[in-house]
């Protein structure tokens, strides 16, 4: 399976996930070099997926970008299948009321 086929399958899956917004980063001269292929906001969490084939490897710039996202407290992953994406999103589930407010345990005092 080609990387574009895996990416398309992941996008089809993400369309079915409640409380999920995503967009596909299109490379080329107008894109941002090293940015992961799929950017997701899932239940208020920033998640980035760099899609690779089973034998594919990220570039040095992609690795650096993933580390920068993680350093900013975002989530970033190299994925090779829809199943991996499903498992990641399941592992990221956090209490969220969908109204833009944090649960009491996460809110700052006085909120």
C-alpha atoms as a PDB file:
ATOM      1  CA  UNK A   1       0.000   0.000   0.000  1.00  0.00           C
ATOM      2  CA  UNK A   2       1.302   3.454  -0.895  1.00  0.00           C
ATOM      3  CA  UNK A   3       1.588   6.297   1.605  1.00  0.00           C
ATOM      4  CA  UNK A   4      -1.172   8.220  -0.206  1.00  0.00           C
ATOM      5  CA  UNK A   5      -3.493   5.203   0.159  1.00  0.00           C
ATOM      6  CA  UNK A   6      -2.814   4.925   3.890  1.00  0.00           C
ATOM      7  CA  UNK A   7      -3.371   8.683   4.265  1.00  0.00           C
ATOM      8  CA  UNK A   8      -6.684   8.476   2.388  1.00  0.00           C
ATOM      9  CA  UNK A   9      -7.831   5.569   4.581  1.00  0.00           C
ATOM     10  CA  UNK A  10      -6.949   7.516   7.734  1.00  0.00           C
ATOM     11  CA  UNK A  11      -8.870  10.540   6.465  1.00  0.00           C
ATOM     12  CA  UNK A  12     -11.937   8.385   5.737  1.00  0.00           C
ATOM     13  CA  UNK A  13     -11.754   7.064   9.300  1.00  0.00           C
ATOM     14  CA  UNK A  14     -11.311  10.521  10.858  1.00  0.00           C
ATOM     15  CA  UNK A  15     -14.478  11.728   9.077  1.00  0.00           C
ATOM     16  CA  UNK A  16     -16.423   9.221  11.201  1.00  0.00           C
ATOM     17  CA  UNK A  17     -14.937  10.217  14.569  1.00  0.00           C
ATOM     18  CA  UNK A  18     -17.137  12.489  16.724  1.00  0.00           C
ATOM     19  CA  UNK A  19     -15.520  15.638  18.131  1.00  0.00           C
ATOM     20  CA  UNK A  20     -12.739  15.407  15.576  1.00  0.00           C
ATOM     21  CA  UNK A  21     -11.527  18.077  13.151  1.00  0.00           C
ATOM     22  CA  UNK A  22      -8.647  17.345  10.800  1.00  0.00           C
ATOM     23  CA  UNK A  23      -6.938  18.621   7.722  1.00  0.00           C
ATOM     24  CA  UNK A  24      -4.415  17.150   5.331  1.00  0.00           C
ATOM     25  CA  UNK A  25      -1.210  19.123   4.959  1.00  0.00           C
ATOM     26  CA  UNK A  26      -0.351  19.376   1.286  1.00  0.00           C
ATOM     27  CA  UNK A  27       3.375  19.580   0.711  1.00  0.00           C
ATOM     28  CA  UNK A  28       4.999  21.493  -2.069  1.00  0.00           C
ATOM     29  CA  UNK A  29       6.159  25.041  -2.433  1.00  0.00           C
ATOM     30  CA  UNK A  30       3.255  26.504  -0.424  1.00  0.00           C
ATOM     31  CA  UNK A  31       3.329  23.977   2.410  1.00  0.00           C
ATOM     32  CA  UNK A  32       5.473  23.996   5.538  1.00  0.00           C
ATOM     33  CA  UNK A  33       8.407  21.623   5.177  1.00  0.00           C
ATOM     34  CA  UNK A  34       8.482  18.898   7.821  1.00  0.00           C
ATOM     35  CA  UNK A  35       4.889  19.426   8.980  1.00  0.00           C
ATOM     36  CA  UNK A  36       3.115  16.095   9.609  1.00  0.00           C
ATOM     37  CA  UNK A  37       0.688  14.860   6.950  1.00  0.00           C
ATOM     38  CA  UNK A  38      -2.518  15.053   8.987  1.00  0.00           C
ATOM     39  CA  UNK A  39      -3.245  17.655  11.670  1.00  0.00           C
ATOM     40  CA  UNK A  40      -6.074  16.821  14.088  1.00  0.00           C
ATOM     41  CA  UNK A  41      -7.978  18.508  16.872  1.00  0.00           C
ATOM     42  CA  UNK A  42      -9.575  15.666  18.814  1.00  0.00           C
ATOM     43  CA  UNK A  43     -11.715  16.540  21.817  1.00  0.00           C
ATOM     44  CA  UNK A  44      -9.666  19.666  22.391  1.00  0.00           C
ATOM     45  CA  UNK A  45      -6.254  18.009  21.906  1.00  0.00           C
ATOM     46  CA  UNK A  46      -3.729  18.816  19.197  1.00  0.00           C
ATOM     47  CA  UNK A  47      -2.573  15.656  17.425  1.00  0.00           C
ATOM     48  CA  UNK A  48      -0.332  15.337  14.371  1.00  0.00           C
ATOM     49  CA  UNK A  49       0.151  12.206  12.290  1.00  0.00           C
ATOM     50  CA  UNK A  50       3.109  11.642   9.997  1.00  0.00           C
ATOM     51  CA  UNK A  51       2.011   8.836   7.678  1.00  0.00           C
ATOM     52  CA  UNK A  52       4.552   6.303   6.431  1.00  0.00           C
ATOM     53  CA  UNK A  53       4.463   2.952   4.682  1.00  0.00           C
ATOM     54  CA  UNK A  54       5.560  -0.062   6.740  1.00  0.00           C
ATOM     55  CA  UNK A  55       9.121   0.394   5.458  1.00  0.00           C
ATOM     56  CA  UNK A  56       9.067   4.217   5.299  1.00  0.00           C
ATOM     57  CA  UNK A  57      11.207   6.385   7.550  1.00  0.00           C
ATOM     58  CA  UNK A  58      10.675  10.029   8.517  1.00  0.00           C
ATOM     59  CA  UNK A  59      13.128  12.646   7.316  1.00  0.00           C
ATOM     60  CA  UNK A  60      15.351  14.436   9.810  1.00  0.00           C
ATOM     61  CA  UNK A  61      13.175  17.547   9.453  1.00  0.00           C
ATOM     62  CA  UNK A  62      10.030  15.502  10.144  1.00  0.00           C
ATOM     63  CA  UNK A  63      11.638  14.015  13.268  1.00  0.00           C
ATOM     64  CA  UNK A  64      12.613  17.502  14.474  1.00  0.00           C
ATOM     65  CA  UNK A  65       9.097  18.830  13.844  1.00  0.00           C
ATOM     66  CA  UNK A  66       7.553  15.935  15.780  1.00  0.00           C
ATOM     67  CA  UNK A  67       9.868  16.659  18.707  1.00  0.00           C
ATOM     68  CA  UNK A  68       8.965  20.379  18.593  1.00  0.00           C
ATOM     69  CA  UNK A  69       5.246  19.522  18.689  1.00  0.00           C
ATOM     70  CA  UNK A  70       5.812  17.269  21.701  1.00  0.00           C
ATOM     71  CA  UNK A  71       7.889  19.964  23.419  1.00  0.00           C
ATOM     72  CA  UNK A  72       4.905  22.308  23.002  1.00  0.00           C
ATOM     73  CA  UNK A  73       2.704  19.696  24.792  1.00  0.00           C
ATOM     74  CA  UNK A  74       1.033  18.552  21.573  1.00  0.00           C
ATOM     75  CA  UNK A  75       0.810  14.958  20.453  1.00  0.00           C
ATOM     76  CA  UNK A  76       2.667  13.759  17.344  1.00  0.00           C
ATOM     77  CA  UNK A  77       3.050  10.259  15.956  1.00  0.00           C
ATOM     78  CA  UNK A  78       4.434   8.344  13.016  1.00  0.00           C
ATOM     79  CA  UNK A  79       1.641   6.027  11.872  1.00  0.00           C
ATOM     80  CA  UNK A  80       1.450   3.267   9.285  1.00  0.00           C
ATOM     81  CA  UNK A  81      -2.243   2.267   9.414  1.00  0.00           C
ATOM     82  CA  UNK A  82      -5.767   3.271  10.384  1.00  0.00           C
ATOM     83  CA  UNK A  83      -5.560   0.777  13.249  1.00  0.00           C
ATOM     84  CA  UNK A  84      -2.636   2.698  14.779  1.00  0.00           C
ATOM     85  CA  UNK A  85      -4.585   5.948  14.549  1.00  0.00           C
ATOM     86  CA  UNK A  86      -7.613   4.329  16.237  1.00  0.00           C
ATOM     87  CA  UNK A  87      -5.471   3.066  19.114  1.00  0.00           C
ATOM     88  CA  UNK A  88      -3.801   6.453  19.549  1.00  0.00           C
ATOM     89  CA  UNK A  89      -7.091   8.362  19.649  1.00  0.00           C
ATOM     90  CA  UNK A  90      -8.538   5.866  22.132  1.00  0.00           C
ATOM     91  CA  UNK A  91      -5.492   6.346  24.354  1.00  0.00           C
ATOM     92  CA  UNK A  92      -5.895  10.138  24.242  1.00  0.00           C
ATOM     93  CA  UNK A  93      -9.480  10.268  25.425  1.00  0.00           C
ATOM     94  CA  UNK A  94      -9.862  12.844  28.180  1.00  0.00           C
ATOM     95  CA  UNK A  95     -12.934  14.267  29.899  1.00  0.00           C
ATOM     96  CA  UNK A  96     -14.190  17.179  27.809  1.00  0.00           C
ATOM     97  CA  UNK A  97     -17.665  18.700  27.714  1.00  0.00           C
ATOM     98  CA  UNK A  98     -17.429  19.855  24.087  1.00  0.00           C
ATOM     99  CA  UNK A  99     -18.191  23.454  25.095  1.00  0.00           C
ATOM    100  CA  UNK A 100     -14.625  24.686  25.323  1.00  0.00           C
ATOM    101  CA  UNK A 101     -14.436  24.426  29.094  1.00  0.00           C
ATOM    102  CA  UNK A 102     -12.071  22.220  31.017  1.00  0.00           C
ATOM    103  CA  UNK A 103     -13.220  19.697  33.624  1.00  0.00           C
ATOM    104  CA  UNK A 104     -12.926  20.967  37.190  1.00  0.00           C
ATOM    105  CA  UNK A 105      -9.807  18.873  37.832  1.00  0.00           C
ATOM    106  CA  UNK A 106      -7.997  20.606  34.941  1.00  0.00           C
ATOM    107  CA  UNK A 107      -9.336  24.144  35.321  1.00  0.00           C
ATOM    108  CA  UNK A 108      -7.268  26.880  36.938  1.00  0.00           C
ATOM    109  CA  UNK A 109      -8.437  28.209  40.319  1.00  0.00           C
ATOM    110  CA  UNK A 110     -11.144  30.817  39.872  1.00  0.00           C
ATOM    111  CA  UNK A 111     -12.353  29.497  36.498  1.00  0.00           C
END
